[in-house]
Amino acid sequence: AVTVTTLTRHYNNSHLVTVSGHTLLVDSGKAEDVADLTNDIREAGVDPKALRAVVVTHGHADHAGGARYLHEQFGVPVIAGRGDEPMLAAGRNERLCATGWIARQRLDDDQSQVFPPTKADTWLSDMQPLDLEQLTGLADARAVPVPGHTAGSLVVVVGRVAVVGDLFRGSIVGSGAEIHFYNCDLKDNLADLHRLLDEIAPEAELFFVGHFGPVEREDLEDLVADLEAETAPP
């Protein structure tokens, strides 16, 4: 059985994914929150030194910021997408494209976020999924490149659960699915959501996101239907 424990700091989710006693962390929050996140991990009953890996779903500061600390302090291996190597090396966000009013209010602050430059121990590239069992011990777990939100974005699939980073987000109120606050190509994002549902995680029933959530499959399907209606030719 898969157990997912979501740890939230300043609206940024990190997820402890456990299978048969082996645990990995998906996303590491902001650099300034990593000490508190480490305490959250301990309070969840996991020794940070026992984490099998931290998977960075993408190289933005609110997801990758704590990865270097976890690696240096506890020896946790880092897994990330090769497409985000330049952003992780620079320790700053690439250009963000606001999708709504909330994001426009936050854009300057979010665009200016920085974090300690980070290297991965394992890079994913060439659209090839990575079987995580050999690296982490988590059976039926894989990381799948889904370039779109960023060039190196990843999705982690474990059984009937998918952890999707910022491919989309949960609703601020309620349990629905929404487009993410920042996305530079909504048509491409729609294609990625179709691929997620049909190819990457066709059996997933629950999706853990970077902000708010989690999201049930039916709610994600509703978002896809809404996006298709919005983008259909008149």
C-alpha atoms as a PDB file:
ATOM      1  CA  ALA A   1       0.000   0.000   0.000  1.00  0.00           C
ATOM      2  CA  VAL A   2       1.098   3.564  -0.711  1.00  0.00           C
ATOM      3  CA  THR A   3       0.970   6.194   2.018  1.00  0.00           C
ATOM      4  CA  VAL A   4       1.322   9.890   1.181  1.00  0.00           C
ATOM      5  CA  THR A   5       1.812  12.482   3.922  1.00  0.00           C
ATOM      6  CA  THR A   6       1.633  16.096   2.748  1.00  0.00           C
ATOM      7  CA  LEU A   7       3.742  18.681   4.571  1.00  0.00           C
ATOM      8  CA  THR A   8       2.822  22.307   3.869  1.00  0.00           C
ATOM      9  CA  ARG A   9       4.867  25.451   4.502  1.00  0.00           C
ATOM     10  CA  HIS A  10       3.659  28.823   3.140  1.00  0.00           C
ATOM     11  CA  TYR A  11       1.186  27.091   0.793  1.00  0.00           C
ATOM     12  CA  ASN A  12       3.954  24.931  -0.707  1.00  0.00           C
ATOM     13  CA  ASN A  13       3.402  21.187  -0.480  1.00  0.00           C
ATOM     14  CA  SER A  14       6.080  18.552  -0.007  1.00  0.00           C
ATOM     15  CA  HIS A  15       4.991  14.921   0.014  1.00  0.00           C
ATOM     16  CA  LEU A  16       6.385  11.951   1.917  1.00  0.00           C
ATOM     17  CA  VAL A  17       5.642   8.876  -0.189  1.00  0.00           C
ATOM     18  CA  THR A  18       6.034   5.561   1.638  1.00  0.00           C
ATOM     19  CA  VAL A  19       5.833   2.020   0.326  1.00  0.00           C
ATOM     20  CA  SER A  20       6.723  -0.983   2.530  1.00  0.00           C
ATOM     21  CA  GLY A  21       8.780   1.129   4.925  1.00  0.00           C
ATOM     22  CA  HIS A  22      10.753   2.978   2.249  1.00  0.00           C
ATOM     23  CA  THR A  23      10.110   6.726   2.011  1.00  0.00           C
ATOM     24  CA  LEU A  24      11.032   9.385  -0.513  1.00  0.00           C
ATOM     25  CA  LEU A  25      10.261  13.095  -0.402  1.00  0.00           C
ATOM     26  CA  VAL A  26       8.726  14.767  -3.435  1.00  0.00           C
ATOM     27  CA  ASP A  27       9.706  18.453  -3.470  1.00  0.00           C
ATOM     28  CA  SER A  28      11.550  20.315  -0.754  1.00  0.00           C
ATOM     29  CA  GLY A  29       9.833  23.702  -0.418  1.00  0.00           C
ATOM     30  CA  LYS A  30      11.609  27.038  -0.125  1.00  0.00           C
ATOM     31  CA  ALA A  31      15.154  27.245   1.193  1.00  0.00           C
ATOM     32  CA  GLU A  32      14.052  29.408   4.115  1.00  0.00           C
ATOM     33  CA  ASP A  33      11.524  26.766   5.188  1.00  0.00           C
ATOM     34  CA  VAL A  34      13.739  23.675   4.997  1.00  0.00           C
ATOM     35  CA  ALA A  35      14.664  23.607   8.711  1.00  0.00           C
ATOM     36  CA  ASP A  36      10.976  23.646   9.624  1.00  0.00           C
ATOM     37  CA  LEU A  37      10.261  21.100   6.898  1.00  0.00           C
ATOM     38  CA  THR A  38      12.919  18.836   8.405  1.00  0.00           C
ATOM     39  CA  ASN A  39      11.108  19.043  11.749  1.00  0.00           C
ATOM     40  CA  ASP A  40       7.842  18.238   9.967  1.00  0.00           C
ATOM     41  CA  ILE A  41       9.473  15.151   8.457  1.00  0.00           C
ATOM     42  CA  ARG A  42      10.578  13.994  11.905  1.00  0.00           C
ATOM     43  CA  GLU A  43       7.130  14.671  13.373  1.00  0.00           C
ATOM     44  CA  ALA A  44       5.684  12.506  10.603  1.00  0.00           C
ATOM     45  CA  GLY A  45       7.786   9.659  11.986  1.00  0.00           C
ATOM     46  CA  VAL A  46      10.539   9.677   9.366  1.00  0.00           C
ATOM     47  CA  ASP A  47      14.245  10.175  10.086  1.00  0.00           C
ATOM     48  CA  PRO A  48      15.532  12.580   7.396  1.00  0.00           C
ATOM     49  CA  LYS A  49      18.644  10.401   7.110  1.00  0.00           C
ATOM     50  CA  ALA A  50      16.387   7.495   6.131  1.00  0.00           C
ATOM     51  CA  LEU A  51      14.842   9.289   3.142  1.00  0.00           C
ATOM     52  CA  ARG A  52      15.674   7.270   0.047  1.00  0.00           C
ATOM     53  CA  ALA A  53      15.632  10.345  -2.225  1.00  0.00           C
ATOM     54  CA  VAL A  54      14.198  13.792  -2.734  1.00  0.00           C
ATOM     55  CA  VAL A  55      12.532  14.063  -6.132  1.00  0.00           C
ATOM     56  CA  VAL A  56      12.334  17.647  -7.404  1.00  0.00           C
ATOM     57  CA  THR A  57       9.286  17.879  -9.660  1.00  0.00           C
ATOM     58  CA  HIS A  58      10.711  21.078 -11.165  1.00  0.00           C
ATOM     59  CA  GLY A  59      13.353  23.690 -10.540  1.00  0.00           C
ATOM     60  CA  HIS A  60      11.342  26.572  -9.107  1.00  0.00           C
ATOM     61  CA  ALA A  61      12.404  28.005  -5.748  1.00  0.00           C
ATOM     62  CA  ASP A  62       9.293  26.827  -3.894  1.00  0.00           C
ATOM     63  CA  HIS A  63       9.896  23.206  -4.911  1.00  0.00           C
ATOM     64  CA  ALA A  64      13.667  22.858  -5.188  1.00  0.00           C
ATOM     65  CA  GLY A  65      14.820  25.315  -2.512  1.00  0.00           C
ATOM     66  CA  GLY A  66      15.498  22.809   0.267  1.00  0.00           C
ATOM     67  CA  ALA A  67      17.021  20.006  -1.796  1.00  0.00           C
ATOM     68  CA  ARG A  68      20.644  21.022  -1.361  1.00  0.00           C
ATOM     69  CA  TYR A  69      20.244  21.279   2.419  1.00  0.00           C
ATOM     70  CA  LEU A  70      18.736  17.799   2.645  1.00  0.00           C
ATOM     71  CA  HIS A  71      21.550  16.424   0.504  1.00  0.00           C
ATOM     72  CA  GLU A  72      24.339  18.116   2.466  1.00  0.00           C
ATOM     73  CA  GLN A  73      22.921  17.598   5.951  1.00  0.00           C
ATOM     74  CA  PHE A  74      21.508  14.100   5.646  1.00  0.00           C
ATOM     75  CA  GLY A  75      23.002  12.616   2.481  1.00  0.00           C
ATOM     76  CA  VAL A  76      19.653  12.398   0.711  1.00  0.00           C
ATOM     77  CA  PRO A  77      20.131  11.753  -3.039  1.00  0.00           C
ATOM     78  CA  VAL A  78      18.489  14.306  -5.345  1.00  0.00           C
ATOM     79  CA  ILE A  79      16.560  13.308  -8.479  1.00  0.00           C
ATOM     80  CA  ALA A  80      15.580  15.996 -11.007  1.00  0.00           C
ATOM     81  CA  GLY A  81      14.838  16.600 -14.673  1.00  0.00           C
ATOM     82  CA  ARG A  82      17.783  17.429 -16.916  1.00  0.00           C
ATOM     83  CA  GLY A  83      15.814  20.216 -18.579  1.00  0.00           C
ATOM     84  CA  ASP A  84      15.907  22.172 -15.316  1.00  0.00           C
ATOM     85  CA  GLU A  85      19.664  21.773 -14.786  1.00  0.00           C
ATOM     86  CA  PRO A  86      20.418  25.418 -15.788  1.00  0.00           C
ATOM     87  CA  MET A  87      17.746  26.766 -13.431  1.00  0.00           C
ATOM     88  CA  LEU A  88      18.911  24.571 -10.541  1.00  0.00           C
ATOM     89  CA  ALA A  89      22.531  25.577 -11.177  1.00  0.00           C
ATOM     90  CA  ALA A  90      21.589  29.268 -11.174  1.00  0.00           C
ATOM     91  CA  GLY A  91      19.401  29.011  -8.088  1.00  0.00           C
ATOM     92  CA  ARG A  92      16.701  31.282  -9.482  1.00  0.00           C
ATOM     93  CA  ASN A  93      13.398  30.976 -11.308  1.00  0.00           C
ATOM     94  CA  GLU A  94      13.199  31.304 -15.054  1.00  0.00           C
ATOM     95  CA  ARG A  95      10.513  33.584 -16.536  1.00  0.00           C
ATOM     96  CA  LEU A  96       7.079  33.081 -14.988  1.00  0.00           C
ATOM     97  CA  CYS A  97       3.842  33.732 -16.872  1.00  0.00           C
ATOM     98  CA  ALA A  98       0.889  34.674 -14.665  1.00  0.00           C
ATOM     99  CA  THR A  99      -2.450  33.030 -15.487  1.00  0.00           C
ATOM    100  CA  GLY A 100      -4.727  35.134 -13.308  1.00  0.00           C
ATOM    101  CA  TRP A 101      -5.216  37.990 -10.862  1.00  0.00           C
ATOM    102  CA  ILE A 102      -3.649  36.274  -7.848  1.00  0.00           C
ATOM    103  CA  ALA A 103      -0.502  35.427  -9.777  1.00  0.00           C
ATOM    104  CA  ARG A 104      -0.219  38.945 -11.185  1.00  0.00           C
ATOM    105  CA  GLN A 105      -0.221  40.312  -7.637  1.00  0.00           C
ATOM    106  CA  ARG A 106       2.572  37.912  -6.626  1.00  0.00           C
ATOM    107  CA  LEU A 107       4.582  37.889  -9.832  1.00  0.00           C
ATOM    108  CA  ASP A 108       7.403  40.270  -8.875  1.00  0.00           C
ATOM    109  CA  ASP A 109       8.013  38.511  -5.556  1.00  0.00           C
ATOM    110  CA  ASP A 110       7.846  35.002  -6.987  1.00  0.00           C
ATOM    111  CA  GLN A 111      10.004  35.903  -9.988  1.00  0.00           C
ATOM    112  CA  SER A 112      12.752  37.224  -7.696  1.00  0.00           C
ATOM    113  CA  GLN A 113      12.977  34.122  -5.484  1.00  0.00           C
ATOM    114  CA  VAL A 114      16.448  32.584  -5.175  1.00  0.00           C
ATOM    115  CA  PHE A 115      17.770  29.392  -3.573  1.00  0.00           C
ATOM    116  CA  PRO A 116      21.117  27.596  -3.104  1.00  0.00           C
ATOM    117  CA  PRO A 117      22.378  26.270  -6.461  1.00  0.00           C
ATOM    118  CA  THR A 118      21.584  22.572  -6.615  1.00  0.00           C
ATOM    119  CA  LYS A 119      22.893  19.532  -8.485  1.00  0.00           C
ATOM    120  CA  ALA A 120      21.066  16.254  -8.896  1.00  0.00           C
ATOM    121  CA  ASP A 121      22.612  12.868  -8.247  1.00  0.00           C
ATOM    122  CA  THR A 122      20.296  11.413 -10.904  1.00  0.00           C
ATOM    123  CA  TRP A 123      19.062  13.378 -13.910  1.00  0.00           C
ATOM    124  CA  LEU A 124      16.088  12.346 -16.035  1.00  0.00           C
ATOM    125  CA  SER A 125      16.162  13.260 -19.699  1.00  0.00           C
ATOM    126  CA  ASP A 126      14.973  12.248 -23.160  1.00  0.00           C
ATOM    127  CA  MET A 127      11.384  11.636 -22.039  1.00  0.00           C
ATOM    128  CA  GLN A 128      12.400   8.268 -20.570  1.00  0.00           C
ATOM    129  CA  PRO A 129      10.633   7.256 -17.328  1.00  0.00           C
ATOM    130  CA  LEU A 130      12.867   6.171 -14.466  1.00  0.00           C
ATOM    131  CA  ASP A 131      12.025   3.065 -12.438  1.00  0.00           C
ATOM    132  CA  LEU A 132      12.532   4.263  -8.866  1.00  0.00           C
ATOM    133  CA  GLU A 133      12.517   0.861  -7.201  1.00  0.00           C
ATOM    134  CA  GLN A 134      16.233   0.163  -7.682  1.00  0.00           C
ATOM    135  CA  LEU A 135      17.205   3.640  -6.449  1.00  0.00           C
ATOM    136  CA  THR A 136      14.723   4.014  -3.610  1.00  0.00           C
ATOM    137  CA  GLY A 137      13.261   0.638  -2.758  1.00  0.00           C
ATOM    138  CA  LEU A 138       9.726   1.856  -3.490  1.00  0.00           C
ATOM    139  CA  ALA A 139       7.990  -0.844  -5.504  1.00  0.00           C
ATOM    140  CA  ASP A 140       5.830   0.171  -8.464  1.00  0.00           C
ATOM    141  CA  ALA A 141       7.252   3.714  -8.373  1.00  0.00           C
ATOM    142  CA  ARG A 142       8.503   5.678 -11.356  1.00  0.00           C
ATOM    143  CA  ALA A 143       9.397   9.242 -12.279  1.00  0.00           C
ATOM    144  CA  VAL A 144       8.217  10.454 -15.677  1.00  0.00           C
ATOM    145  CA  PRO A 145       9.486  13.567 -17.501  1.00  0.00           C
ATOM    146  CA  VAL A 146       6.638  15.917 -18.482  1.00  0.00           C
ATOM    147  CA  PRO A 147       8.283  19.054 -19.896  1.00  0.00           C
ATOM    148  CA  GLY A 148       5.830  21.923 -19.970  1.00  0.00           C
ATOM    149  CA  HIS A 149       5.515  23.887 -16.751  1.00  0.00           C
ATOM    150  CA  THR A 150       9.313  23.836 -16.905  1.00  0.00           C
ATOM    151  CA  ALA A 151      11.652  22.041 -19.285  1.00  0.00           C
ATOM    152  CA  GLY A 152      12.559  19.474 -16.634  1.00  0.00           C
ATOM    153  CA  SER A 153       9.215  18.914 -14.928  1.00  0.00           C
ATOM    154  CA  LEU A 154       8.595  15.411 -13.529  1.00  0.00           C
ATOM    155  CA  VAL A 155       5.610  13.419 -12.312  1.00  0.00           C
ATOM    156  CA  VAL A 156       6.028  10.644  -9.725  1.00  0.00           C
ATOM    157  CA  VAL A 157       3.619   7.725 -10.069  1.00  0.00           C
ATOM    158  CA  VAL A 158       3.246   5.069  -7.384  1.00  0.00           C
ATOM    159  CA  GLY A 159       0.413   2.622  -7.892  1.00  0.00           C
ATOM    160  CA  ARG A 160      -2.862   4.544  -7.981  1.00  0.00           C
ATOM    161  CA  VAL A 161      -1.249   7.773  -6.782  1.00  0.00           C
ATOM    162  CA  ALA A 162       0.476  10.498  -8.813  1.00  0.00           C
ATOM    163  CA  VAL A 163       2.479  13.451  -7.463  1.00  0.00           C
ATOM    164  CA  VAL A 164       2.440  16.101 -10.163  1.00  0.00           C
ATOM    165  CA  GLY A 165       4.205  19.234  -8.907  1.00  0.00           C
ATOM    166  CA  ASP A 166       2.736  22.278 -10.679  1.00  0.00           C
ATOM    167  CA  LEU A 167       1.242  20.552 -13.713  1.00  0.00           C
ATOM    168  CA  PHE A 168      -1.975  21.916 -12.199  1.00  0.00           C
ATOM    169  CA  ARG A 169      -3.056  22.917  -8.675  1.00  0.00           C
ATOM    170  CA  GLY A 170      -5.836  22.284  -6.220  1.00  0.00           C
ATOM    171  CA  SER A 171      -8.616  24.805  -5.681  1.00  0.00           C
ATOM    172  CA  ILE A 172      -8.083  27.347  -2.917  1.00  0.00           C
ATOM    173  CA  VAL A 173     -11.604  26.573  -1.670  1.00  0.00           C
ATOM    174  CA  GLY A 174     -13.006  23.076  -2.071  1.00  0.00           C
ATOM    175  CA  SER A 175     -11.420  20.037  -3.680  1.00  0.00           C
ATOM    176  CA  GLY A 176     -11.399  20.919  -7.365  1.00  0.00           C
ATOM    177  CA  ALA A 177      -8.557  21.268  -9.869  1.00  0.00           C
ATOM    178  CA  GLU A 178      -7.351  24.537 -11.397  1.00  0.00           C
ATOM    179  CA  ILE A 179      -4.688  25.636 -13.849  1.00  0.00           C
ATOM    180  CA  HIS A 180      -1.530  26.626 -12.038  1.00  0.00           C
ATOM    181  CA  PHE A 181      -0.858  30.244 -11.112  1.00  0.00           C
ATOM    182  CA  TYR A 182       2.021  30.342 -13.631  1.00  0.00           C
ATOM    183  CA  ASN A 183       1.958  28.720 -17.045  1.00  0.00           C
ATOM    184  CA  CYS A 184       3.386  30.050 -20.297  1.00  0.00           C
ATOM    185  CA  ASP A 185       1.524  27.737 -22.709  1.00  0.00           C
ATOM    186  CA  LEU A 186      -1.995  26.674 -21.739  1.00  0.00           C
ATOM    187  CA  LYS A 187      -2.506  24.673 -24.927  1.00  0.00           C
ATOM    188  CA  ASP A 188       0.610  22.643 -24.159  1.00  0.00           C
ATOM    189  CA  ASN A 189      -0.563  22.283 -20.559  1.00  0.00           C
ATOM    190  CA  LEU A 190      -3.851  20.801 -21.765  1.00  0.00           C
ATOM    191  CA  ALA A 191      -1.929  18.274 -23.850  1.00  0.00           C
ATOM    192  CA  ASP A 192       0.149  17.369 -20.793  1.00  0.00           C
ATOM    193  CA  LEU A 193      -2.996  16.814 -18.710  1.00  0.00           C
ATOM    194  CA  HIS A 194      -4.373  14.501 -21.399  1.00  0.00           C
ATOM    195  CA  ARG A 195      -1.084  12.601 -21.397  1.00  0.00           C
ATOM    196  CA  LEU A 196      -1.169  12.382 -17.593  1.00  0.00           C
ATOM    197  CA  LEU A 197      -4.659  10.897 -17.578  1.00  0.00           C
ATOM    198  CA  ASP A 198      -4.336   8.638 -20.608  1.00  0.00           C
ATOM    199  CA  GLU A 199      -0.700   7.499 -20.646  1.00  0.00           C
ATOM    200  CA  ILE A 200       1.341   8.401 -17.581  1.00  0.00           C
ATOM    201  CA  ALA A 201      -1.103   7.581 -14.785  1.00  0.00           C
ATOM    202  CA  PRO A 202      -4.205   5.958 -16.325  1.00  0.00           C
ATOM    203  CA  GLU A 203      -4.939   4.089 -13.086  1.00  0.00           C
ATOM    204  CA  ALA A 204      -4.276   6.970 -10.695  1.00  0.00           C
ATOM    205  CA  GLU A 205      -7.252   7.884  -8.545  1.00  0.00           C
ATOM    206  CA  LEU A 206      -5.654  10.658  -6.490  1.00  0.00           C
ATOM    207  CA  PHE A 207      -3.274  13.421  -7.563  1.00  0.00           C
ATOM    208  CA  PHE A 208      -1.039  15.255  -5.094  1.00  0.00           C
ATOM    209  CA  VAL A 209      -0.166  18.752  -6.257  1.00  0.00           C
ATOM    210  CA  GLY A 210       2.304  21.450  -5.312  1.00  0.00           C
ATOM    211  CA  HIS A 211      -0.348  23.797  -3.924  1.00  0.00           C
ATOM    212  CA  PHE A 212      -3.587  22.915  -2.117  1.00  0.00           C
ATOM    213  CA  GLY A 213      -5.209  19.587  -3.054  1.00  0.00           C
ATOM    214  CA  PRO A 214      -5.116  16.655  -3.212  1.00  0.00           C
ATOM    215  CA  VAL A 215      -7.280  16.289  -6.312  1.00  0.00           C
ATOM    216  CA  GLU A 216      -9.447  13.339  -7.261  1.00  0.00           C
ATOM    217  CA  ARG A 217      -9.405  12.014 -10.796  1.00  0.00           C
ATOM    218  CA  GLU A 218     -12.955  13.177 -11.521  1.00  0.00           C
ATOM    219  CA  ASP A 219     -12.049  16.769 -10.621  1.00  0.00           C
ATOM    220  CA  LEU A 220      -9.017  16.690 -12.921  1.00  0.00           C
ATOM    221  CA  GLU A 221     -11.188  15.348 -15.733  1.00  0.00           C
ATOM    222  CA  ASP A 222     -13.583  18.257 -15.135  1.00  0.00           C
ATOM    223  CA  LEU A 223     -10.688  20.727 -15.437  1.00  0.00           C
ATOM    224  CA  VAL A 224      -9.616  19.138 -18.722  1.00  0.00           C
ATOM    225  CA  ALA A 225     -13.160  19.378 -20.067  1.00  0.00           C
ATOM    226  CA  ASP A 226     -13.337  23.066 -19.083  1.00  0.00           C
ATOM    227  CA  LEU A 227      -9.992  23.820 -20.736  1.00  0.00           C
ATOM    228  CA  GLU A 228     -11.083  22.045 -23.913  1.00  0.00           C
ATOM    229  CA  ALA A 229     -14.242  24.161 -24.031  1.00  0.00           C
ATOM    230  CA  GLU A 230     -12.236  27.356 -23.507  1.00  0.00           C
ATOM    231  CA  THR A 231      -9.717  26.540 -26.227  1.00  0.00           C
ATOM    232  CA  ALA A 232     -12.154  25.156 -28.812  1.00  0.00           C
ATOM    233  CA  PRO A 233     -12.455  27.219 -31.988  1.00  0.00           C
ATOM    234  CA  PRO A 234     -15.632  29.334 -32.190  1.00  0.00           C
END
